[in-house]
N, C-alpha and C. Protein backbone atom coordinates (compact mmCIF):
# COMPACT_ATOMS: atom_id res chain seq x y z
N GLU A 1 0.77 -1.25 0.00
CA GLU A 1 -0.02 0.03 -0.01
C GLU A 1 0.86 1.26 0.00
N PRO A 2 1.88 1.38 0.85
CA PRO A 2 2.56 2.67 0.86
C PRO A 2 3.26 3.03 -0.46
N PHE A 3 3.62 2.01 -1.23
CA PHE A 3 4.28 2.22 -2.59
C PHE A 3 3.31 2.25 -3.72
N PHE A 4 2.13 1.54 -3.59
CA PHE A 4 1.32 1.32 -4.74
C PHE A 4 -0.14 1.76 -4.47
N GLY A 5 -0.34 2.69 -3.53
CA GLY A 5 -1.72 3.14 -3.21
C GLY A 5 -2.38 3.76 -4.37
N SER A 6 -1.69 4.54 -5.12
CA SER A 6 -2.24 5.22 -6.25
C SER A 6 -1.14 5.37 -7.36
N TYR A 7 -1.54 5.84 -8.51
CA TYR A 7 -0.58 6.06 -9.61
C TYR A 7 0.51 7.01 -9.18
N LEU A 8 0.14 8.06 -8.54
CA LEU A 8 1.07 9.04 -8.03
C LEU A 8 2.00 8.42 -7.00
N ASP A 9 1.47 7.73 -6.05
CA ASP A 9 2.30 6.99 -5.03
C ASP A 9 3.28 6.06 -5.69
N THR A 10 2.88 5.40 -6.77
CA THR A 10 3.82 4.47 -7.52
C THR A 10 4.91 5.27 -8.12
N LEU A 11 4.57 6.36 -8.82
CA LEU A 11 5.62 7.20 -9.52
C LEU A 11 6.57 7.76 -8.44
N ILE A 12 6.10 8.24 -7.32
CA ILE A 12 6.93 8.77 -6.31
C ILE A 12 7.89 7.72 -5.78
N ALA A 13 7.28 6.46 -5.51
CA ALA A 13 8.09 5.40 -5.00
C ALA A 13 9.23 4.97 -5.94
N LEU A 14 8.91 4.95 -7.28
CA LEU A 14 9.90 4.64 -8.28
C LEU A 14 10.97 5.71 -8.29
N PHE A 15 10.52 6.96 -8.24
CA PHE A 15 11.57 8.02 -8.20
C PHE A 15 12.45 7.92 -7.04
N GLN A 16 11.84 7.67 -5.85
CA GLN A 16 12.70 7.53 -4.64
C GLN A 16 13.57 6.28 -4.71
N ALA A 17 13.15 5.26 -5.29
CA ALA A 17 13.97 3.98 -5.38
C ALA A 17 15.13 4.30 -6.36
N THR A 18 14.89 5.07 -7.41
CA THR A 18 15.95 5.35 -8.33
C THR A 18 16.93 6.34 -7.82
N THR A 19 16.52 7.33 -7.05
CA THR A 19 17.38 8.40 -6.63
C THR A 19 17.99 8.19 -5.20
N GLY A 20 17.68 7.09 -4.56
CA GLY A 20 18.20 6.87 -3.27
C GLY A 20 17.34 7.28 -2.15
N GLY A 21 16.11 7.59 -2.42
CA GLY A 21 15.20 8.06 -1.38
C GLY A 21 14.88 6.97 -0.33
N PHE A 22 14.90 5.77 -0.73
CA PHE A 22 14.78 4.60 0.11
C PHE A 22 15.39 3.40 -0.62
N ASP A 23 15.67 2.40 0.19
CA ASP A 23 16.16 1.17 -0.38
C ASP A 23 15.15 0.43 -1.15
N TRP A 24 15.38 0.24 -2.49
CA TRP A 24 14.39 -0.38 -3.38
C TRP A 24 14.14 -1.83 -3.00
N ALA A 25 14.97 -2.43 -2.17
CA ALA A 25 14.75 -3.80 -1.77
C ALA A 25 13.45 -3.96 -0.96
N GLU A 26 13.04 -2.95 -0.28
CA GLU A 26 11.74 -2.96 0.39
C GLU A 26 10.56 -3.12 -0.57
N MET A 27 10.64 -2.35 -1.66
CA MET A 27 9.64 -2.50 -2.71
C MET A 27 9.72 -3.86 -3.34
N SER A 28 10.88 -4.31 -3.61
CA SER A 28 11.10 -5.61 -4.27
C SER A 28 10.55 -6.72 -3.46
N ASP A 29 10.69 -6.66 -2.11
CA ASP A 29 10.18 -7.75 -1.22
C ASP A 29 8.70 -7.75 -1.26
N LEU A 30 8.03 -6.56 -1.34
CA LEU A 30 6.57 -6.57 -1.47
C LEU A 30 6.14 -7.13 -2.77
N LEU A 31 6.81 -6.74 -3.84
CA LEU A 31 6.48 -7.26 -5.20
C LEU A 31 6.70 -8.73 -5.29
N TRP A 32 7.73 -9.23 -4.68
CA TRP A 32 8.04 -10.70 -4.75
C TRP A 32 6.94 -11.48 -4.24
N ASP A 33 6.34 -11.02 -3.11
CA ASP A 33 5.22 -11.78 -2.50
C ASP A 33 3.99 -11.74 -3.45
N ILE A 34 3.88 -10.72 -4.23
CA ILE A 34 2.75 -10.66 -5.20
C ILE A 34 3.05 -11.51 -6.43
N SER A 35 4.25 -11.15 -7.02
CA SER A 35 4.57 -11.86 -8.23
C SER A 35 6.12 -11.69 -8.46
N PRO A 36 6.81 -12.84 -8.55
CA PRO A 36 8.28 -12.68 -8.81
C PRO A 36 8.63 -11.97 -10.07
N MET A 37 7.74 -12.09 -11.12
CA MET A 37 7.97 -11.38 -12.33
C MET A 37 7.92 -9.87 -12.11
N SER A 38 7.06 -9.37 -11.26
CA SER A 38 7.05 -7.93 -11.04
C SER A 38 8.34 -7.46 -10.31
N SER A 39 8.96 -8.31 -9.56
CA SER A 39 10.16 -7.95 -8.95
C SER A 39 11.34 -7.87 -10.02
N TYR A 40 11.29 -8.75 -10.99
CA TYR A 40 12.27 -8.76 -12.11
C TYR A 40 12.04 -7.51 -12.89
N VAL A 41 10.81 -7.05 -13.17
CA VAL A 41 10.60 -5.84 -13.82
C VAL A 41 11.17 -4.68 -13.10
N LEU A 42 11.00 -4.61 -11.76
CA LEU A 42 11.53 -3.57 -10.92
C LEU A 42 13.06 -3.66 -11.04
N PHE A 43 13.74 -4.81 -11.02
CA PHE A 43 15.14 -4.92 -11.18
C PHE A 43 15.53 -4.28 -12.40
N LEU A 44 14.85 -4.59 -13.56
CA LEU A 44 15.20 -4.07 -14.84
C LEU A 44 15.01 -2.54 -14.90
N TYR A 45 13.94 -2.05 -14.30
CA TYR A 45 13.69 -0.60 -14.23
C TYR A 45 14.85 0.09 -13.46
N ILE A 46 15.23 -0.37 -12.26
CA ILE A 46 16.31 0.19 -11.50
C ILE A 46 17.60 0.20 -12.28
N SER A 47 17.90 -0.94 -12.90
CA SER A 47 19.15 -1.09 -13.62
C SER A 47 19.21 -0.11 -14.82
N LEU A 48 18.11 0.01 -15.58
CA LEU A 48 18.09 0.91 -16.67
C LEU A 48 18.15 2.39 -16.19
N MET A 49 17.48 2.71 -15.14
CA MET A 49 17.55 4.08 -14.63
C MET A 49 18.97 4.39 -14.14
N GLN A 50 19.56 3.49 -13.44
CA GLN A 50 20.99 3.74 -12.93
C GLN A 50 21.87 3.94 -14.07
N TYR A 51 21.73 3.09 -15.10
CA TYR A 51 22.58 3.19 -16.33
C TYR A 51 22.36 4.53 -17.04
N ALA A 52 21.15 4.92 -17.16
CA ALA A 52 20.82 6.24 -17.80
C ALA A 52 21.40 7.38 -16.94
N ILE A 53 21.23 7.29 -15.60
CA ILE A 53 21.76 8.40 -14.82
C ILE A 53 23.33 8.44 -14.86
N LEU A 54 23.97 7.28 -14.86
CA LEU A 54 25.40 7.23 -15.03
C LEU A 54 25.87 7.77 -16.37
N ASN A 55 25.09 7.47 -17.42
CA ASN A 55 25.43 7.97 -18.77
C ASN A 55 25.37 9.47 -18.80
N VAL A 56 24.28 10.01 -18.23
CA VAL A 56 24.12 11.47 -18.22
C VAL A 56 25.24 12.16 -17.43
N LEU A 57 25.54 11.59 -16.26
CA LEU A 57 26.59 12.16 -15.50
C LEU A 57 27.95 12.09 -16.19
N THR A 58 28.18 10.94 -16.80
CA THR A 58 29.46 10.80 -17.58
C THR A 58 29.47 11.79 -18.77
N GLY A 59 28.43 11.97 -19.44
CA GLY A 59 28.32 12.98 -20.53
C GLY A 59 28.60 14.34 -19.98
N ILE A 60 28.05 14.76 -18.87
CA ILE A 60 28.29 16.03 -18.33
C ILE A 60 29.73 16.19 -17.97
N CYS A 61 30.32 15.23 -17.35
CA CYS A 61 31.78 15.28 -16.99
C CYS A 61 32.66 15.38 -18.22
N CYS A 62 32.41 14.62 -19.23
CA CYS A 62 33.20 14.63 -20.48
C CYS A 62 33.10 15.91 -21.16
N THR A 63 31.83 16.48 -21.22
CA THR A 63 31.60 17.82 -21.88
C THR A 63 32.35 18.83 -21.19
N THR A 64 32.25 18.80 -19.86
CA THR A 64 32.93 19.88 -19.01
C THR A 64 34.43 19.72 -19.21
N ALA A 65 34.97 18.56 -19.18
CA ALA A 65 36.41 18.35 -19.30
C ALA A 65 36.91 18.81 -20.70
N SER A 66 36.11 18.50 -21.73
CA SER A 66 36.43 18.88 -23.04
C SER A 66 36.45 20.45 -23.25
N LYS A 67 35.45 21.06 -22.62
CA LYS A 67 35.39 22.54 -22.69
C LYS A 67 36.56 23.14 -21.94
N THR A 68 36.89 22.55 -20.81
CA THR A 68 37.99 23.06 -20.00
C THR A 68 39.35 22.92 -20.81
N VAL A 69 39.49 21.79 -21.52
CA VAL A 69 40.72 21.61 -22.38
C VAL A 69 40.78 22.64 -23.39
N GLU A 70 39.62 22.88 -24.06
CA GLU A 70 39.66 23.88 -25.16
C GLU A 70 39.88 25.23 -24.62
N ASP A 71 39.31 25.61 -23.47
CA ASP A 71 39.61 26.93 -22.86
C ASP A 71 41.04 27.01 -22.50
N ASP A 72 41.62 25.96 -21.89
CA ASP A 72 42.99 26.00 -21.50
C ASP A 72 43.98 26.13 -22.67
N LEU A 73 43.56 25.40 -23.78
CA LEU A 73 44.38 25.47 -25.03
C LEU A 73 44.38 26.93 -25.54
N GLU A 74 43.22 27.53 -25.54
CA GLU A 74 43.07 28.93 -26.07
C GLU A 74 43.95 29.86 -25.20
N ILE A 75 43.81 29.70 -23.86
CA ILE A 75 44.65 30.53 -23.00
C ILE A 75 46.11 30.29 -23.25
N SER A 76 46.52 29.08 -23.44
CA SER A 76 47.95 28.84 -23.68
C SER A 76 48.43 29.37 -25.02
N ARG A 77 47.55 29.31 -25.98
CA ARG A 77 47.89 29.95 -27.28
C ARG A 77 48.06 31.41 -27.21
N ASN A 78 47.17 32.08 -26.50
CA ASN A 78 47.20 33.54 -26.29
C ASN A 78 48.45 33.91 -25.50
N ALA A 79 48.78 33.14 -24.46
CA ALA A 79 49.99 33.39 -23.71
C ALA A 79 51.25 33.22 -24.49
N GLU A 80 51.24 32.20 -25.35
CA GLU A 80 52.45 31.99 -26.16
C GLU A 80 52.52 33.06 -27.23
N ALA A 81 51.43 33.49 -27.80
CA ALA A 81 51.46 34.56 -28.76
C ALA A 81 52.03 35.87 -28.15
N LYS A 82 51.52 36.20 -26.96
CA LYS A 82 51.97 37.38 -26.24
C LYS A 82 53.46 37.31 -25.95
N ARG A 83 53.88 36.09 -25.50
CA ARG A 83 55.31 35.89 -25.16
C ARG A 83 56.13 36.08 -26.41
N HIS A 84 55.68 35.52 -27.56
CA HIS A 84 56.39 35.59 -28.81
C HIS A 84 56.44 37.06 -29.31
N ASP A 85 55.34 37.78 -29.22
CA ASP A 85 55.33 39.21 -29.56
C ASP A 85 56.30 40.00 -28.68
N SER A 86 56.35 39.66 -27.37
CA SER A 86 57.17 40.43 -26.43
C SER A 86 58.65 40.12 -26.80
N VAL A 87 59.02 38.87 -27.10
CA VAL A 87 60.38 38.58 -27.45
C VAL A 87 60.78 39.19 -28.77
N ALA A 88 59.85 39.24 -29.72
CA ALA A 88 60.13 39.90 -31.01
C ALA A 88 60.33 41.40 -30.84
N ALA A 89 59.51 42.03 -30.00
CA ALA A 89 59.60 43.45 -29.77
C ALA A 89 60.91 43.79 -29.07
N ARG A 90 61.32 42.94 -28.11
CA ARG A 90 62.59 43.19 -27.43
C ARG A 90 63.81 43.01 -28.42
N LEU A 91 63.71 41.97 -29.21
CA LEU A 91 64.74 41.79 -30.19
C LEU A 91 64.81 42.95 -31.23
N ARG A 92 63.72 43.36 -31.61
CA ARG A 92 63.63 44.48 -32.61
C ARG A 92 64.29 45.77 -31.94
N HIS A 93 63.92 46.01 -30.70
CA HIS A 93 64.44 47.16 -29.95
C HIS A 93 65.95 47.05 -29.79
N PHE A 94 66.43 45.87 -29.42
CA PHE A 94 67.82 45.66 -29.29
C PHE A 94 68.59 45.87 -30.58
N LEU A 95 67.99 45.31 -31.70
CA LEU A 95 68.66 45.50 -32.96
C LEU A 95 68.73 46.93 -33.42
N GLN A 96 67.68 47.71 -33.12
CA GLN A 96 67.65 49.13 -33.46
C GLN A 96 68.63 49.92 -32.67
N LYS A 97 68.88 49.46 -31.39
CA LYS A 97 69.89 50.07 -30.56
C LYS A 97 71.29 49.85 -31.05
N VAL A 98 71.55 48.64 -31.46
CA VAL A 98 72.92 48.30 -31.90
C VAL A 98 73.19 48.77 -33.34
N ASP A 99 72.17 49.15 -34.10
CA ASP A 99 72.34 49.65 -35.43
C ASP A 99 72.76 51.08 -35.43
N VAL A 100 74.04 51.30 -35.16
CA VAL A 100 74.53 52.66 -35.04
C VAL A 100 74.53 53.49 -36.30
N GLU A 101 74.55 52.75 -37.46
CA GLU A 101 74.59 53.49 -38.71
C GLU A 101 73.20 53.80 -39.18
N GLY A 102 72.19 53.16 -38.62
CA GLY A 102 70.77 53.36 -38.97
C GLY A 102 70.38 52.88 -40.30
N THR A 103 71.11 51.81 -40.80
CA THR A 103 70.81 51.24 -42.11
C THR A 103 69.80 50.06 -42.02
N GLY A 104 69.59 49.61 -40.86
CA GLY A 104 68.67 48.47 -40.67
C GLY A 104 69.23 47.14 -41.10
N SER A 105 70.49 47.10 -41.32
CA SER A 105 71.12 45.81 -41.69
C SER A 105 72.22 45.47 -40.74
């Protein structure tokens, strides 16, 4: 009754079983007494939901990691370009200083 009193109670119980709101073994024990096949269906439901949740979480982690790598690569490229420009500017300044004749060669 507490899990299957109404359609809404059943949905809430399934949500709680999937998200750790309670141990789904309690629901399974009740179902086993009614029909072992209904317990197998619950096992399948819990397995599929856990698989789906893990896939979503893995996807979020991979997307975040990929975005972080792209951002880090862009930051590294910009830093390298600034460093290159700074070195080139210092070299140009040095060469202009040592060019006492002003010929540029």
